[in-house]
C-alpha cells in the first residue's frame, strides 16, 4: 500500500489479542514507513 501510487491512505482493521513482541515490532515499523511516505494511517479496532 505504501509503494502503490494510487493508494492515498490505509485503514488497518485490528482484531487481535497480541502475540509475539518481535512480530509486532516488524509490523509497527511498516506503519512508520507508511506515514513517512506521506500516507494516512487510520486504525479501526474490533473486539480486541
ModelCIF file with pLDDT and N, C-alpha, C, O atoms, coordinates in Angstrom:
data_MODEL
#
_entry.id   MODEL 
#
_entity.id                         1 
_entity.type                       polymer 
_entity.pdbx_number_of_molecules   1 
#
_entity_poly.entity_id                      1 
_entity_poly.type                           'polypeptide(L)' 
_entity_poly.nstd_linkage                   no 
_entity_poly.nstd_monomer                   no 
_entity_poly.pdbx_seq_one_letter_code       
;(UNK)(UNK)(UNK)(UNK)(UNK)(UNK)(UNK)(UNK)(UNK)(UNK)(UNK)(UNK)(UNK)(UNK)(UNK)(UNK)
(UNK)(UNK)(UNK)(UNK)(UNK)(UNK)(UNK)(UNK)(UNK)(UNK)(UNK)(UNK)(UNK)(UNK)(UNK)(UNK)
(UNK)(UNK)(UNK)(UNK)(UNK)(UNK)(UNK)(UNK)(UNK)(UNK)(UNK)(UNK)(UNK)(UNK)(UNK)(UNK)
;
_entity_poly.pdbx_seq_one_letter_code_can   XXXXXXXXXXXXXXXXXXXXXXXXXXXXXXXXXXXXXXXXXXXXXXXX 
_entity_poly.pdbx_strand_id                 A 
#
loop_
_entity_poly_seq.entity_id 
_entity_poly_seq.num 
_entity_poly_seq.mon_id 
_entity_poly_seq.hetero 
1 1  UNK n 
1 2  UNK n 
1 3  UNK n 
1 4  UNK n 
1 5  UNK n 
1 6  UNK n 
1 7  UNK n 
1 8  UNK n 
1 9  UNK n 
1 10 UNK n 
1 11 UNK n 
1 12 UNK n 
1 13 UNK n 
1 14 UNK n 
1 15 UNK n 
1 16 UNK n 
1 17 UNK n 
1 18 UNK n 
1 19 UNK n 
1 20 UNK n 
1 21 UNK n 
1 22 UNK n 
1 23 UNK n 
1 24 UNK n 
1 25 UNK n 
1 26 UNK n 
1 27 UNK n 
1 28 UNK n 
1 29 UNK n 
1 30 UNK n 
1 31 UNK n 
1 32 UNK n 
1 33 UNK n 
1 34 UNK n 
1 35 UNK n 
1 36 UNK n 
1 37 UNK n 
1 38 UNK n 
1 39 UNK n 
1 40 UNK n 
1 41 UNK n 
1 42 UNK n 
1 43 UNK n 
1 44 UNK n 
1 45 UNK n 
1 46 UNK n 
1 47 UNK n 
1 48 UNK n 
#
_struct_asym.id          A 
_struct_asym.entity_id   1 
#
loop_
_ma_qa_metric.id 
_ma_qa_metric.mode 
_ma_qa_metric.name 
_ma_qa_metric.software_group_id 
_ma_qa_metric.type 
1 global pLDDT . pLDDT 
2 local  pLDDT . pLDDT 
#
_ma_qa_metric_global.metric_id      1 
_ma_qa_metric_global.metric_value   96.12 
_ma_qa_metric_global.model_id       1 
_ma_qa_metric_global.ordinal_id     1 
#
loop_
_ma_qa_metric_local.label_asym_id 
_ma_qa_metric_local.label_comp_id 
_ma_qa_metric_local.label_seq_id 
_ma_qa_metric_local.metric_id 
_ma_qa_metric_local.metric_value 
_ma_qa_metric_local.model_id 
_ma_qa_metric_local.ordinal_id 
A UNK 1  2 97.00 1 1  
A UNK 2  2 97.00 1 2  
A UNK 3  2 96.00 1 3  
A UNK 4  2 96.00 1 4  
A UNK 5  2 95.00 1 5  
A UNK 6  2 95.00 1 6  
A UNK 7  2 97.00 1 7  
A UNK 8  2 97.00 1 8  
A UNK 9  2 97.00 1 9  
A UNK 10 2 97.00 1 10 
A UNK 11 2 97.00 1 11 
A UNK 12 2 97.00 1 12 
A UNK 13 2 97.00 1 13 
A UNK 14 2 96.00 1 14 
A UNK 15 2 95.00 1 15 
A UNK 16 2 95.00 1 16 
A UNK 17 2 93.00 1 17 
A UNK 18 2 93.00 1 18 
A UNK 19 2 92.00 1 19 
A UNK 20 2 93.00 1 20 
A UNK 21 2 93.00 1 21 
A UNK 22 2 94.00 1 22 
A UNK 23 2 95.00 1 23 
A UNK 24 2 96.00 1 24 
A UNK 25 2 97.00 1 25 
A UNK 26 2 97.00 1 26 
A UNK 27 2 97.00 1 27 
A UNK 28 2 98.00 1 28 
A UNK 29 2 97.00 1 29 
A UNK 30 2 98.00 1 30 
A UNK 31 2 98.00 1 31 
A UNK 32 2 98.00 1 32 
A UNK 33 2 97.00 1 33 
A UNK 34 2 98.00 1 34 
A UNK 35 2 97.00 1 35 
A UNK 36 2 97.00 1 36 
A UNK 37 2 96.00 1 37 
A UNK 38 2 96.00 1 38 
A UNK 39 2 97.00 1 39 
A UNK 40 2 97.00 1 40 
A UNK 41 2 98.00 1 41 
A UNK 42 2 98.00 1 42 
A UNK 43 2 98.00 1 43 
A UNK 44 2 97.00 1 44 
A UNK 45 2 97.00 1 45 
A UNK 46 2 95.00 1 46 
A UNK 47 2 93.00 1 47 
A UNK 48 2 93.00 1 48 
#
loop_
_atom_site.group_PDB 
_atom_site.id 
_atom_site.type_symbol 
_atom_site.label_atom_id 
_atom_site.label_alt_id 
_atom_site.label_comp_id 
_atom_site.label_asym_id 
_atom_site.label_entity_id 
_atom_site.label_seq_id 
_atom_site.pdbx_PDB_ins_code 
_atom_site.Cartn_x 
_atom_site.Cartn_y 
_atom_site.Cartn_z 
_atom_site.occupancy 
_atom_site.B_iso_or_equiv 
_atom_site.pdbx_formal_charge 
_atom_site.auth_seq_id 
_atom_site.auth_comp_id 
_atom_site.auth_asym_id 
_atom_site.auth_atom_id 
_atom_site.pdbx_PDB_model_num 
ATOM 1   N N  . UNK A 1 1  ? 0.833   -1.206  0.000  1.00 97.00 ? 1  UNK A N  1 
ATOM 2   C CA . UNK A 1 1  ? 0.000   0.000   0.000  1.00 97.00 ? 1  UNK A CA 1 
ATOM 3   C C  . UNK A 1 1  ? 0.869   1.258   0.000  1.00 97.00 ? 1  UNK A C  1 
ATOM 4   O O  . UNK A 1 1  ? 0.525   2.259   -0.627 1.00 97.00 ? 1  UNK A O  1 
ATOM 5   N N  . UNK A 1 2  ? 1.990   1.197   0.704  1.00 97.00 ? 2  UNK A N  1 
ATOM 6   C CA . UNK A 1 2  ? 2.892   2.356   0.747  1.00 97.00 ? 2  UNK A CA 1 
ATOM 7   C C  . UNK A 1 2  ? 3.474   2.657   -0.626 1.00 97.00 ? 2  UNK A C  1 
ATOM 8   O O  . UNK A 1 2  ? 3.594   3.821   -1.007 1.00 97.00 ? 2  UNK A O  1 
ATOM 9   N N  . UNK A 1 3  ? 3.833   1.625   -1.368 1.00 96.00 ? 3  UNK A N  1 
ATOM 10  C CA . UNK A 1 3  ? 4.501   1.816   -2.656 1.00 96.00 ? 3  UNK A CA 1 
ATOM 11  C C  . UNK A 1 3  ? 3.536   2.044   -3.804 1.00 96.00 ? 3  UNK A C  1 
ATOM 12  O O  . UNK A 1 3  ? 3.932   2.571   -4.844 1.00 96.00 ? 3  UNK A O  1 
ATOM 13  N N  . UNK A 1 4  ? 2.268   1.656   -3.636 1.00 96.00 ? 4  UNK A N  1 
ATOM 14  C CA . UNK A 1 4  ? 1.295   1.795   -4.725 1.00 96.00 ? 4  UNK A CA 1 
ATOM 15  C C  . UNK A 1 4  ? 0.956   3.268   -4.936 1.00 96.00 ? 4  UNK A C  1 
ATOM 16  O O  . UNK A 1 4  ? 0.512   3.929   -3.997 1.00 96.00 ? 4  UNK A O  1 
ATOM 17  N N  . UNK A 1 5  ? 1.151   3.795   -6.133 1.00 95.00 ? 5  UNK A N  1 
ATOM 18  C CA . UNK A 1 5  ? 0.905   5.229   -6.364 1.00 95.00 ? 5  UNK A CA 1 
ATOM 19  C C  . UNK A 1 5  ? -0.553  5.633   -6.245 1.00 95.00 ? 5  UNK A C  1 
ATOM 20  O O  . UNK A 1 5  ? -0.843  6.797   -5.969 1.00 95.00 ? 5  UNK A O  1 
ATOM 21  N N  . UNK A 1 6  ? -1.485  4.698   -6.447 1.00 95.00 ? 6  UNK A N  1 
ATOM 22  C CA . UNK A 1 6  ? -2.900  5.070   -6.389 1.00 95.00 ? 6  UNK A CA 1 
ATOM 23  C C  . UNK A 1 6  ? -3.468  5.033   -4.979 1.00 95.00 ? 6  UNK A C  1 
ATOM 24  O O  . UNK A 1 6  ? -4.536  5.598   -4.739 1.00 95.00 ? 6  UNK A O  1 
ATOM 25  N N  . UNK A 1 7  ? -2.792  4.392   -4.050 1.00 97.00 ? 7  UNK A N  1 
ATOM 26  C CA . UNK A 1 7  ? -3.284  4.310   -2.675 1.00 97.00 ? 7  UNK A CA 1 
ATOM 27  C C  . UNK A 1 7  ? -2.913  5.589   -1.928 1.00 97.00 ? 7  UNK A C  1 
ATOM 28  O O  . UNK A 1 7  ? -1.740  5.950   -1.837 1.00 97.00 ? 7  UNK A O  1 
ATOM 29  N N  . UNK A 1 8  ? -3.919  6.259   -1.402 1.00 97.00 ? 8  UNK A N  1 
ATOM 30  C CA . UNK A 1 8  ? -3.709  7.510   -0.682 1.00 97.00 ? 8  UNK A CA 1 
ATOM 31  C C  . UNK A 1 8  ? -3.676  7.315   0.829  1.00 97.00 ? 8  UNK A C  1 
ATOM 32  O O  . UNK A 1 8  ? -3.054  8.099   1.546  1.00 97.00 ? 8  UNK A O  1 
ATOM 33  N N  . UNK A 1 9  ? -4.342  6.273   1.310  1.00 97.00 ? 9  UNK A N  1 
ATOM 34  C CA . UNK A 1 9  ? -4.448  6.070   2.755  1.00 97.00 ? 9  UNK A CA 1 
ATOM 35  C C  . UNK A 1 9  ? -4.706  4.601   3.041  1.00 97.00 ? 9  UNK A C  1 
ATOM 36  O O  . UNK A 1 9  ? -5.122  3.839   2.168  1.00 97.00 ? 9  UNK A O  1 
ATOM 37  N N  . UNK A 1 10 ? -4.448  4.224   4.289  1.00 97.00 ? 10 UNK A N  1 
ATOM 38  C CA . UNK A 1 10 ? -4.655  2.843   4.731  1.00 97.00 ? 10 UNK A CA 1 
ATOM 39  C C  . UNK A 1 10 ? -5.546  2.849   5.968  1.00 97.00 ? 10 UNK A C  1 
ATOM 40  O O  . UNK A 1 10 ? -5.348  3.636   6.893  1.00 97.00 ? 10 UNK A O  1 
ATOM 41  N N  . UNK A 1 11 ? -6.524  1.961   5.962  1.00 97.00 ? 11 UNK A N  1 
ATOM 42  C CA . UNK A 1 11 ? -7.311  1.679   7.162  1.00 97.00 ? 11 UNK A CA 1 
ATOM 43  C C  . UNK A 1 11 ? -6.903  0.295   7.640  1.00 97.00 ? 11 UNK A C  1 
ATOM 44  O O  . UNK A 1 11 ? -7.144  -0.703  6.961  1.00 97.00 ? 11 UNK A O  1 
ATOM 45  N N  . UNK A 1 12 ? -6.285  0.243   8.810  1.00 97.00 ? 12 UNK A N  1 
ATOM 46  C CA . UNK A 1 12 ? -5.834  -1.025  9.381  1.00 97.00 ? 12 UNK A CA 1 
ATOM 47  C C  . UNK A 1 12 ? -6.903  -1.515  10.350 1.00 97.00 ? 12 UNK A C  1 
ATOM 48  O O  . UNK A 1 12 ? -7.134  -0.900  11.392 1.00 97.00 ? 12 UNK A O  1 
ATOM 49  N N  . UNK A 1 13 ? -7.547  -2.613  10.007 1.00 97.00 ? 13 UNK A N  1 
ATOM 50  C CA . UNK A 1 13 ? -8.602  -3.185  10.833 1.00 97.00 ? 13 UNK A CA 1 
ATOM 51  C C  . UNK A 1 13 ? -7.972  -4.212  11.768 1.00 97.00 ? 13 UNK A C  1 
ATOM 52  O O  . UNK A 1 13 ? -7.540  -5.276  11.325 1.00 97.00 ? 13 UNK A O  1 
ATOM 53  N N  . UNK A 1 14 ? -7.919  -3.895  13.057 1.00 96.00 ? 14 UNK A N  1 
ATOM 54  C CA . UNK A 1 14 ? -7.220  -4.728  14.035 1.00 96.00 ? 14 UNK A CA 1 
ATOM 55  C C  . UNK A 1 14 ? -8.225  -5.432  14.929 1.00 96.00 ? 14 UNK A C  1 
ATOM 56  O O  . UNK A 1 14 ? -9.093  -4.802  15.533 1.00 96.00 ? 14 UNK A O  1 
ATOM 57  N N  . UNK A 1 15 ? -8.092  -6.747  15.002 1.00 95.00 ? 15 UNK A N  1 
ATOM 58  C CA . UNK A 1 15 ? -8.880  -7.552  15.940 1.00 95.00 ? 15 UNK A CA 1 
ATOM 59  C C  . UNK A 1 15 ? -7.951  -8.634  16.465 1.00 95.00 ? 15 UNK A C  1 
ATOM 60  O O  . UNK A 1 15 ? -7.918  -9.748  15.942 1.00 95.00 ? 15 UNK A O  1 
ATOM 61  N N  . UNK A 1 16 ? -7.193  -8.294  17.508 1.00 95.00 ? 16 UNK A N  1 
ATOM 62  C CA . UNK A 1 16 ? -6.110  -9.182  17.927 1.00 95.00 ? 16 UNK A CA 1 
ATOM 63  C C  . UNK A 1 16 ? -5.845  -9.058  19.421 1.00 95.00 ? 16 UNK A C  1 
ATOM 64  O O  . UNK A 1 16 ? -5.887  -7.963  19.981 1.00 95.00 ? 16 UNK A O  1 
ATOM 65  N N  . UNK A 1 17 ? -5.567  -10.211 20.072 1.00 93.00 ? 17 UNK A N  1 
ATOM 66  C CA . UNK A 1 17 ? -5.148  -10.183 21.477 1.00 93.00 ? 17 UNK A CA 1 
ATOM 67  C C  . UNK A 1 17 ? -3.661  -9.958  21.634 1.00 93.00 ? 17 UNK A C  1 
ATOM 68  O O  . UNK A 1 17 ? -3.157  -9.909  22.756 1.00 93.00 ? 17 UNK A O  1 
ATOM 69  N N  . UNK A 1 18 ? -2.939  -9.817  20.511 1.00 93.00 ? 18 UNK A N  1 
ATOM 70  C CA . UNK A 1 18 ? -1.490  -9.644  20.551 1.00 93.00 ? 18 UNK A CA 1 
ATOM 71  C C  . UNK A 1 18 ? -0.771  -10.941 20.245 1.00 93.00 ? 18 UNK A C  1 
ATOM 72  O O  . UNK A 1 18 ? -1.339  -11.849 19.638 1.00 93.00 ? 18 UNK A O  1 
ATOM 73  N N  . UNK A 1 19 ? 0.464   -11.024 20.661 1.00 92.00 ? 19 UNK A N  1 
ATOM 74  C CA . UNK A 1 19 ? 1.282   -12.202 20.378 1.00 92.00 ? 19 UNK A CA 1 
ATOM 75  C C  . UNK A 1 19 ? 2.752   -11.867 20.466 1.00 92.00 ? 19 UNK A C  1 
ATOM 76  O O  . UNK A 1 19 ? 3.189   -11.211 21.412 1.00 92.00 ? 19 UNK A O  1 
ATOM 77  N N  . UNK A 1 20 ? 3.511   -12.308 19.497 1.00 93.00 ? 20 UNK A N  1 
ATOM 78  C CA . UNK A 1 20 ? 4.961   -12.142 19.505 1.00 93.00 ? 20 UNK A CA 1 
ATOM 79  C C  . UNK A 1 20 ? 5.351   -10.669 19.529 1.00 93.00 ? 20 UNK A C  1 
ATOM 80  O O  . UNK A 1 20 ? 4.859   -9.871  18.731 1.00 93.00 ? 20 UNK A O  1 
ATOM 81  N N  . UNK A 1 21 ? 6.249   -10.318 20.461 1.00 93.00 ? 21 UNK A N  1 
ATOM 82  C CA . UNK A 1 21 ? 6.743   -8.941  20.538 1.00 93.00 ? 21 UNK A CA 1 
ATOM 83  C C  . UNK A 1 21 ? 7.561   -8.599  19.298 1.00 93.00 ? 21 UNK A C  1 
ATOM 84  O O  . UNK A 1 21 ? 7.438   -7.500  18.757 1.00 93.00 ? 21 UNK A O  1 
ATOM 85  N N  . UNK A 1 22 ? 8.396   -9.537  18.844 1.00 94.00 ? 22 UNK A N  1 
ATOM 86  C CA . UNK A 1 22 ? 9.226   -9.294  17.664 1.00 94.00 ? 22 UNK A CA 1 
ATOM 87  C C  . UNK A 1 22 ? 8.363   -9.087  16.425 1.00 94.00 ? 22 UNK A C  1 
ATOM 88  O O  . UNK A 1 22 ? 8.590   -8.153  15.655 1.00 94.00 ? 22 UNK A O  1 
ATOM 89  N N  . UNK A 1 23 ? 7.374   -9.956  16.231 1.00 95.00 ? 23 UNK A N  1 
ATOM 90  C CA . UNK A 1 23 ? 6.496   -9.835  15.062 1.00 95.00 ? 23 UNK A CA 1 
ATOM 91  C C  . UNK A 1 23 ? 5.717   -8.528  15.101 1.00 95.00 ? 23 UNK A C  1 
ATOM 92  O O  . UNK A 1 23 ? 5.516   -7.895  14.064 1.00 95.00 ? 23 UNK A O  1 
ATOM 93  N N  . UNK A 1 24 ? 5.277   -8.118  16.289 1.00 96.00 ? 24 UNK A N  1 
ATOM 94  C CA . UNK A 1 24 ? 4.561   -6.852  16.422 1.00 96.00 ? 24 UNK A CA 1 
ATOM 95  C C  . UNK A 1 24 ? 5.452   -5.685  16.014 1.00 96.00 ? 24 UNK A C  1 
ATOM 96  O O  . UNK A 1 24 ? 4.998   -4.746  15.362 1.00 96.00 ? 24 UNK A O  1 
ATOM 97  N N  . UNK A 1 25 ? 6.711   -5.750  16.399 1.00 97.00 ? 25 UNK A N  1 
ATOM 98  C CA . UNK A 1 25 ? 7.644   -4.667  16.088 1.00 97.00 ? 25 UNK A CA 1 
ATOM 99  C C  . UNK A 1 25 ? 7.898   -4.581  14.588 1.00 97.00 ? 25 UNK A C  1 
ATOM 100 O O  . UNK A 1 25 ? 8.034   -3.483  14.049 1.00 97.00 ? 25 UNK A O  1 
ATOM 101 N N  . UNK A 1 26 ? 7.962   -5.710  13.913 1.00 97.00 ? 26 UNK A N  1 
ATOM 102 C CA . UNK A 1 26 ? 8.156   -5.720  12.457 1.00 97.00 ? 26 UNK A CA 1 
ATOM 103 C C  . UNK A 1 26 ? 6.991   -5.023  11.764 1.00 97.00 ? 26 UNK A C  1 
ATOM 104 O O  . UNK A 1 26 ? 7.195   -4.230  10.845 1.00 97.00 ? 26 UNK A O  1 
ATOM 105 N N  . UNK A 1 27 ? 5.770   -5.318  12.205 1.00 97.00 ? 27 UNK A N  1 
ATOM 106 C CA . UNK A 1 27 ? 4.584   -4.684  11.615 1.00 97.00 ? 27 UNK A CA 1 
ATOM 107 C C  . UNK A 1 27 ? 4.562   -3.192  11.954 1.00 97.00 ? 27 UNK A C  1 
ATOM 108 O O  . UNK A 1 27 ? 4.265   -2.361  11.096 1.00 97.00 ? 27 UNK A O  1 
ATOM 109 N N  . UNK A 1 28 ? 4.878   -2.857  13.207 1.00 98.00 ? 28 UNK A N  1 
ATOM 110 C CA . UNK A 1 28 ? 4.906   -1.438  13.615 1.00 98.00 ? 28 UNK A CA 1 
ATOM 111 C C  . UNK A 1 28 ? 5.844   -0.641  12.718 1.00 98.00 ? 28 UNK A C  1 
ATOM 112 O O  . UNK A 1 28 ? 5.519   0.477   12.319 1.00 98.00 ? 28 UNK A O  1 
ATOM 113 N N  . UNK A 1 29 ? 6.986   -1.196  12.403 1.00 97.00 ? 29 UNK A N  1 
ATOM 114 C CA . UNK A 1 29 ? 7.955   -0.478  11.572 1.00 97.00 ? 29 UNK A CA 1 
ATOM 115 C C  . UNK A 1 29 ? 7.350   -0.117  10.212 1.00 97.00 ? 29 UNK A C  1 
ATOM 116 O O  . UNK A 1 29 ? 7.589   0.973   9.693  1.00 97.00 ? 29 UNK A O  1 
ATOM 117 N N  . UNK A 1 30 ? 6.570   -1.029  9.641  1.00 98.00 ? 30 UNK A N  1 
ATOM 118 C CA . UNK A 1 30 ? 5.954   -0.742  8.344  1.00 98.00 ? 30 UNK A CA 1 
ATOM 119 C C  . UNK A 1 30 ? 4.916   0.372   8.458  1.00 98.00 ? 30 UNK A C  1 
ATOM 120 O O  . UNK A 1 30 ? 4.729   1.139   7.513  1.00 98.00 ? 30 UNK A O  1 
ATOM 121 N N  . UNK A 1 31 ? 4.238   0.470   9.609  1.00 98.00 ? 31 UNK A N  1 
ATOM 122 C CA . UNK A 1 31 ? 3.291   1.576   9.772  1.00 98.00 ? 31 UNK A CA 1 
ATOM 123 C C  . UNK A 1 31 ? 4.034   2.908   9.814  1.00 98.00 ? 31 UNK A C  1 
ATOM 124 O O  . UNK A 1 31 ? 3.532   3.911   9.307  1.00 98.00 ? 31 UNK A O  1 
ATOM 125 N N  . UNK A 1 32 ? 5.210   2.928   10.407 1.00 98.00 ? 32 UNK A N  1 
ATOM 126 C CA . UNK A 1 32 ? 6.019   4.149   10.448 1.00 98.00 ? 32 UNK A CA 1 
ATOM 127 C C  . UNK A 1 32 ? 6.467   4.537   9.042  1.00 98.00 ? 32 UNK A C  1 
ATOM 128 O O  . UNK A 1 32 ? 6.401   5.710   8.672  1.00 98.00 ? 32 UNK A O  1 
ATOM 129 N N  . UNK A 1 33 ? 6.920   3.568   8.262  1.00 97.00 ? 33 UNK A N  1 
ATOM 130 C CA . UNK A 1 33 ? 7.365   3.852   6.895  1.00 97.00 ? 33 UNK A CA 1 
ATOM 131 C C  . UNK A 1 33 ? 6.209   4.356   6.043  1.00 97.00 ? 33 UNK A C  1 
ATOM 132 O O  . UNK A 1 33 ? 6.396   5.212   5.179  1.00 97.00 ? 33 UNK A O  1 
ATOM 133 N N  . UNK A 1 34 ? 5.017   3.827   6.286  1.00 98.00 ? 34 UNK A N  1 
ATOM 134 C CA . UNK A 1 34 ? 3.832   4.278   5.557  1.00 98.00 ? 34 UNK A CA 1 
ATOM 135 C C  . UNK A 1 34 ? 3.592   5.764   5.817  1.00 98.00 ? 34 UNK A C  1 
ATOM 136 O O  . UNK A 1 34 ? 3.338   6.528   4.885  1.00 98.00 ? 34 UNK A O  1 
ATOM 137 N N  . UNK A 1 35 ? 3.671   6.167   7.071  1.00 97.00 ? 35 UNK A N  1 
ATOM 138 C CA . UNK A 1 35 ? 3.450   7.564   7.422  1.00 97.00 ? 35 UNK A CA 1 
ATOM 139 C C  . UNK A 1 35 ? 4.575   8.450   6.880  1.00 97.00 ? 35 UNK A C  1 
ATOM 140 O O  . UNK A 1 35 ? 4.324   9.567   6.427  1.00 97.00 ? 35 UNK A O  1 
ATOM 141 N N  . UNK A 1 36 ? 5.811   7.953   6.925  1.00 97.00 ? 36 UNK A N  1 
ATOM 142 C CA . UNK A 1 36 ? 6.930   8.725   6.397  1.00 97.00 ? 36 UNK A CA 1 
ATOM 143 C C  . UNK A 1 36 ? 6.801   8.939   4.895  1.00 97.00 ? 36 UNK A C  1 
ATOM 144 O O  . UNK A 1 36 ? 7.344   9.897   4.346  1.00 97.00 ? 36 UNK A O  1 
ATOM 145 N N  . UNK A 1 37 ? 6.073   8.032   4.231  1.00 96.00 ? 37 UNK A N  1 
ATOM 146 C CA . UNK A 1 37 ? 5.837   8.169   2.794  1.00 96.00 ? 37 UNK A CA 1 
ATOM 147 C C  . UNK A 1 37 ? 4.724   9.178   2.509  1.00 96.00 ? 37 UNK A C  1 
ATOM 148 O O  . UNK A 1 37 ? 4.387   9.414   1.349  1.00 96.00 ? 37 UNK A O  1 
ATOM 149 N N  . UNK A 1 38 ? 4.158   9.767   3.547  1.00 96.00 ? 38 UNK A N  1 
ATOM 150 C CA . UNK A 1 38 ? 3.134   10.792  3.370  1.00 96.00 ? 38 UNK A CA 1 
ATOM 151 C C  . UNK A 1 38 ? 1.727   10.263  3.255  1.00 96.00 ? 38 UNK A C  1 
ATOM 152 O O  . UNK A 1 38 ? 0.821   10.993  2.853  1.00 96.00 ? 38 UNK A O  1 
ATOM 153 N N  . UNK A 1 39 ? 1.524   8.991   3.605  1.00 97.00 ? 39 UNK A N  1 
ATOM 154 C CA . UNK A 1 39 ? 0.192   8.408   3.502  1.00 97.00 ? 39 UNK A CA 1 
ATOM 155 C C  . UNK A 1 39 ? -0.459  8.309   4.884  1.00 97.00 ? 39 UNK A C  1 
ATOM 156 O O  . UNK A 1 39 ? 0.213   8.084   5.890  1.00 97.00 ? 39 UNK A O  1 
ATOM 157 N N  . UNK A 1 40 ? -1.759  8.479   4.905  1.00 97.00 ? 40 UNK A N  1 
ATOM 158 C CA . UNK A 1 40 ? -2.516  8.483   6.155  1.00 97.00 ? 40 UNK A CA 1 
ATOM 159 C C  . UNK A 1 40 ? -2.761  7.050   6.621  1.00 97.00 ? 40 UNK A C  1 
ATOM 160 O O  . UNK A 1 40 ? -3.079  6.169   5.822  1.00 97.00 ? 40 UNK A O  1 
ATOM 161 N N  . UNK A 1 41 ? -2.609  6.834   7.925  1.00 98.00 ? 41 UNK A N  1 
ATOM 162 C CA . UNK A 1 41 ? -2.911  5.545   8.526  1.00 98.00 ? 41 UNK A CA 1 
ATOM 163 C C  . UNK A 1 41 ? -3.986  5.734   9.592  1.00 98.00 ? 41 UNK A C  1 
ATOM 164 O O  . UNK A 1 41 ? -3.792  6.473   10.557 1.00 98.00 ? 41 UNK A O  1 
ATOM 165 N N  . UNK A 1 42 ? -5.112  5.065   9.408  1.00 98.00 ? 42 UNK A N  1 
ATOM 166 C CA . UNK A 1 42 ? -6.199  5.088   10.382 1.00 98.00 ? 42 UNK A CA 1 
ATOM 167 C C  . UNK A 1 42 ? -6.442  3.659   10.836 1.00 98.00 ? 42 UNK A C  1 
ATOM 168 O O  . UNK A 1 42 ? -6.496  2.740   10.019 1.00 98.00 ? 42 UNK A O  1 
ATOM 169 N N  . UNK A 1 43 ? -6.587  3.475   12.139 1.00 98.00 ? 43 UNK A N  1 
ATOM 170 C CA . UNK A 1 43 ? -6.847  2.143   12.695 1.00 98.00 ? 43 UNK A CA 1 
ATOM 171 C C  . UNK A 1 43 ? -8.302  2.049   13.129 1.00 98.00 ? 43 UNK A C  1 
ATOM 172 O O  . UNK A 1 43 ? -8.840  2.959   13.760 1.00 98.00 ? 43 UNK A O  1 
ATOM 173 N N  . UNK A 1 44 ? -8.923  0.938   12.781 1.00 97.00 ? 44 UNK A N  1 
ATOM 174 C CA . UNK A 1 44 ? -10.262 0.604   13.253 1.00 97.00 ? 44 UNK A CA 1 
ATOM 175 C C  . UNK A 1 44 ? -10.152 -0.655  14.102 1.00 97.00 ? 44 UNK A C  1 
ATOM 176 O O  . UNK A 1 44 ? -9.747  -1.705  13.604 1.00 97.00 ? 44 UNK A O  1 
ATOM 177 N N  . UNK A 1 45 ? -10.508 -0.560  15.374 1.00 97.00 ? 45 UNK A N  1 
ATOM 178 C CA . UNK A 1 45 ? -10.386 -1.692  16.288 1.00 97.00 ? 45 UNK A CA 1 
ATOM 179 C C  . UNK A 1 45 ? -11.694 -2.450  16.388 1.00 97.00 ? 45 UNK A C  1 
ATOM 180 O O  . UNK A 1 45 ? -12.770 -1.856  16.454 1.00 97.00 ? 45 UNK A O  1 
ATOM 181 N N  . UNK A 1 46 ? -11.589 -3.774  16.398 1.00 95.00 ? 46 UNK A N  1 
ATOM 182 C CA . UNK A 1 46 ? -12.762 -4.625  16.551 1.00 95.00 ? 46 UNK A CA 1 
ATOM 183 C C  . UNK A 1 46 ? -12.996 -4.968  18.007 1.00 95.00 ? 46 UNK A C  1 
ATOM 184 O O  . UNK A 1 46 ? -12.950 -4.089  18.867 1.00 95.00 ? 46 UNK A O  1 
ATOM 185 N N  . UNK A 1 47 ? -13.248 -6.244  18.297 1.00 93.00 ? 47 UNK A N  1 
ATOM 186 C CA . UNK A 1 47 ? -13.482 -6.663  19.680 1.00 93.00 ? 47 UNK A CA 1 
ATOM 187 C C  . UNK A 1 47 ? -12.226 -6.485  20.530 1.00 93.00 ? 47 UNK A C  1 
ATOM 188 O O  . UNK A 1 47 ? -12.305 -6.124  21.704 1.00 93.00 ? 47 UNK A O  1 
ATOM 189 N N  . UNK A 1 48 ? -11.063 -6.744  19.919 1.00 93.00 ? 48 UNK A N  1 
ATOM 190 C CA . UNK A 1 48 ? -9.799  -6.751  20.650 1.00 93.00 ? 48 UNK A CA 1 
ATOM 191 C C  . UNK A 1 48 ? -8.734  -5.979  19.881 1.00 93.00 ? 48 UNK A C  1 
ATOM 192 O O  . UNK A 1 48 ? -7.596  -5.874  20.340 1.00 93.00 ? 48 UNK A O  1 
#
